[in-house]
Amino acid sequence: GAADRGTFIHEAIGEFTKMFADALPAHVTRELVALGEKHFAPLKDYEEARAFWWTRFLRIANWFDGWERDRRTGAAKIFAELSGKHSIPLGKGEFLLTARADRIERRADGSYAILDYKTGQPPTEPQVRSGLAPQLTLEAAILRNGGFTGIAAGSVSEIGYVRLKGGDPPGEPKTIK
């Protein structure tokens, strides 16, 4: 189903980003396709589903190659699949806010960008601004307070979604202002 497809795509992209956080390989698409093969393996017994979703993944991989190269020109460091937390006092106790960020980039200017990969429809800017879709803003709060391991507290200059659908277009970044 759609959730499984999203998981396969997300895991391949996440593993790629972690493996090549410091430097891109010479053949981005080839490396990503190899990871896709691994994560799409559970579909080997479902030929129709694999044929449909694998074709979409190949389009995503080709698109991702160019997008990733463009993103890297303004990034000093890439972090992927990173867990974070921030403790909020609540009466005599505390509330522990936790998150797992798909991608955090330390930009060349020292600020940070937080991006989330979506294989379905990402939240709209009004949904994010009104608090109906708080994921990225809460991740930004965690980052500003130094809650992501290995990342110093800092300013967040960009939040957004990267829609990975494999259609036309195969991928689409959506920055939230």
Protein backbone atom coordinates (compact mmCIF):
# COMPACT_ATOMS: atom_id res chain seq x y z
CA GLY A 1 0.00 0.00 0.00
CA ALA A 2 0.88 3.68 0.02
CA ALA A 3 2.35 3.53 3.53
CA ASP A 4 4.70 0.70 2.54
CA ARG A 5 5.77 2.52 -0.61
CA GLY A 6 6.45 5.63 1.45
CA THR A 7 8.53 3.60 3.88
CA PHE A 8 10.64 2.03 1.09
CA ILE A 9 11.32 5.38 -0.55
CA HIS A 10 11.96 7.17 2.74
CA GLU A 11 14.35 4.50 3.99
CA ALA A 12 16.37 4.51 0.76
CA ILE A 13 16.65 8.32 0.70
CA GLY A 14 17.43 8.44 4.43
CA GLU A 15 20.13 5.80 4.19
CA PHE A 16 21.66 7.55 1.18
CA THR A 17 21.74 10.88 3.00
CA LYS A 18 23.37 9.31 6.07
CA MET A 19 25.93 7.37 4.03
CA PHE A 20 26.95 10.38 1.97
CA ALA A 21 26.47 13.17 4.51
CA ASP A 22 30.03 14.41 4.11
CA ALA A 23 30.46 14.08 0.35
CA LEU A 24 28.38 12.94 -2.58
CA PRO A 25 29.45 9.87 -4.53
CA ALA A 26 30.47 10.27 -8.16
CA HIS A 27 27.26 8.51 -9.27
CA VAL A 28 24.41 9.71 -7.06
CA THR A 29 21.64 8.00 -9.01
CA ARG A 30 23.48 4.66 -9.17
CA GLU A 31 24.10 4.65 -5.39
CA LEU A 32 20.52 5.63 -4.62
CA VAL A 33 19.12 2.96 -6.96
CA ALA A 34 21.30 0.33 -5.23
CA LEU A 35 19.84 1.37 -1.87
CA GLY A 36 16.37 1.36 -3.41
CA GLU A 37 16.87 -2.25 -4.53
CA LYS A 38 17.61 -3.20 -0.93
CA HIS A 39 14.62 -1.39 0.54
CA PHE A 40 12.18 -2.47 -2.18
CA ALA A 41 13.17 -6.16 -1.71
CA PRO A 42 9.95 -6.94 0.26
CA LEU A 43 8.01 -6.28 -2.97
CA LYS A 44 9.79 -9.06 -4.91
CA ASP A 45 6.75 -11.35 -4.53
CA TYR A 46 4.33 -8.63 -5.68
CA GLU A 47 5.34 -8.05 -9.31
CA GLU A 48 2.56 -5.61 -10.20
CA ALA A 49 3.18 -3.40 -7.16
CA ARG A 50 6.93 -3.52 -7.66
CA ALA A 51 6.66 -2.63 -11.35
CA PHE A 52 4.48 0.39 -10.55
CA TRP A 53 6.39 1.71 -7.51
CA TRP A 54 9.88 0.82 -8.70
CA THR A 55 9.39 2.86 -11.88
CA ARG A 56 8.36 5.81 -9.72
CA PHE A 57 11.38 5.33 -7.47
CA LEU A 58 13.71 5.38 -10.48
CA ARG A 59 12.21 8.74 -11.51
CA ILE A 60 12.67 10.01 -7.96
CA ALA A 61 16.31 8.85 -7.94
CA ASN A 62 17.06 10.71 -11.17
CA TRP A 63 15.35 13.86 -9.89
CA PHE A 64 17.03 13.57 -6.47
CA ASP A 65 20.47 13.54 -8.11
CA GLY A 66 20.10 17.10 -9.40
CA TRP A 67 18.23 18.38 -6.35
CA GLU A 68 20.85 16.94 -3.98
CA ARG A 69 23.73 18.48 -5.93
CA ASP A 70 21.98 21.88 -5.86
CA ARG A 71 21.30 21.65 -2.10
CA ARG A 72 24.89 20.74 -1.34
CA THR A 73 26.22 23.96 -2.90
CA GLY A 74 24.81 25.98 0.03
CA ALA A 75 25.36 23.41 2.79
CA ALA A 76 28.35 23.18 5.10
CA LYS A 77 27.16 19.93 6.73
CA ILE A 78 24.27 17.47 6.29
CA PHE A 79 22.61 15.49 9.09
CA ALA A 80 20.05 12.75 8.41
CA GLU A 81 17.55 10.76 10.46
CA LEU A 82 18.56 12.58 13.62
CA SER A 83 16.67 12.28 16.92
CA GLY A 84 16.17 15.30 19.11
CA LYS A 85 14.45 16.25 22.35
CA HIS A 86 13.56 19.26 24.44
CA SER A 87 12.28 19.26 27.99
CA ILE A 88 9.46 21.66 28.81
CA PRO A 89 8.70 22.31 32.52
CA LEU A 90 5.11 21.42 33.35
CA GLY A 91 4.03 21.98 36.94
CA LYS A 92 6.20 19.80 39.14
CA GLY A 93 7.13 17.61 36.21
CA GLU A 94 8.12 18.05 32.64
CA PHE A 95 6.91 17.32 29.15
CA LEU A 96 9.55 15.78 26.87
CA LEU A 97 9.14 16.84 23.26
CA THR A 98 10.85 14.38 20.90
CA ALA A 99 11.31 14.33 17.15
CA ARG A 100 13.18 12.58 14.40
CA ALA A 101 14.32 14.94 11.65
CA ASP A 102 14.64 13.53 8.14
CA ARG A 103 17.28 16.08 7.16
CA ILE A 104 19.01 19.02 8.81
CA GLU A 105 21.48 21.12 6.87
CA ARG A 106 23.94 23.54 8.40
CA ARG A 107 23.98 26.24 5.76
CA ALA A 108 27.12 28.10 4.67
CA ASP A 109 25.98 31.15 6.70
CA GLY A 110 25.81 29.07 9.92
CA SER A 111 22.02 28.87 10.06
CA TYR A 112 20.09 25.63 9.67
CA ALA A 113 17.52 24.22 7.25
CA ILE A 114 15.12 21.47 8.36
CA LEU A 115 13.58 19.37 5.59
CA ASP A 116 11.08 16.53 5.73
CA TYR A 117 10.58 14.01 2.92
CA LYS A 118 6.95 13.29 2.07
CA THR A 119 5.67 10.66 -0.37
CA GLY A 120 2.11 11.81 0.16
CA GLN A 121 0.65 15.29 0.17
CA PRO A 122 2.70 17.56 2.46
CA PRO A 123 0.96 19.99 4.80
CA THR A 124 0.21 23.42 3.36
CA GLU A 125 1.84 26.60 4.57
CA PRO A 126 -1.42 27.74 6.27
CA GLN A 127 -1.60 24.40 8.11
CA VAL A 128 1.98 24.83 9.36
CA ARG A 129 1.48 28.50 10.29
CA SER A 130 -1.75 27.80 12.21
CA GLY A 131 -0.22 24.91 14.17
CA LEU A 132 -2.30 22.18 12.54
CA ALA A 133 0.91 20.64 11.17
CA PRO A 134 3.54 21.45 13.82
CA GLN A 135 6.24 18.90 12.96
CA LEU A 136 8.77 21.24 11.35
CA THR A 137 8.19 24.14 13.74
CA LEU A 138 8.64 21.82 16.73
CA GLU A 139 11.82 20.41 15.20
CA ALA A 140 13.02 24.01 14.76
CA ALA A 141 12.29 24.69 18.45
CA ILE A 142 14.28 21.60 19.43
CA LEU A 143 17.20 22.71 17.24
CA ARG A 144 17.14 26.29 18.56
CA ASN A 145 17.44 24.85 22.07
CA GLY A 146 20.33 22.52 21.19
CA GLY A 147 18.25 19.34 21.44
CA PHE A 148 19.67 17.46 18.44
CA THR A 149 22.73 15.41 19.32
CA GLY A 150 25.83 16.67 17.53
CA ILE A 151 24.27 19.99 16.51
CA ALA A 152 24.85 23.19 18.44
CA ALA A 153 21.83 25.36 19.20
CA GLY A 154 21.32 27.75 16.33
CA SER A 155 19.07 29.78 14.12
CA VAL A 156 16.73 28.09 11.64
CA SER A 157 16.57 29.95 8.32
CA GLU A 158 14.49 27.44 6.35
CA ILE A 159 11.90 24.75 6.91
CA GLY A 160 10.21 22.79 4.19
CA TYR A 161 9.02 19.57 2.67
CA VAL A 162 10.42 17.58 -0.23
CA ARG A 163 7.58 15.77 -1.95
CA LEU A 164 8.74 12.52 -3.55
CA LYS A 165 5.94 11.08 -5.68
CA GLY A 166 7.65 9.77 -8.80
CA GLY A 167 5.09 11.29 -11.16
CA ASP A 168 5.44 14.55 -13.04
CA PRO A 169 7.43 16.08 -11.47
CA PRO A 170 9.09 13.18 -9.63
CA GLY A 171 10.06 15.42 -6.71
CA GLU A 172 9.15 18.88 -5.56
CA PRO A 173 10.59 21.01 -2.75
CA LYS A 174 8.09 23.17 -0.83
CA THR A 175 9.60 25.81 1.40
CA ILE A 176 7.47 27.14 4.25
CA LYS A 177 7.95 30.90 4.74
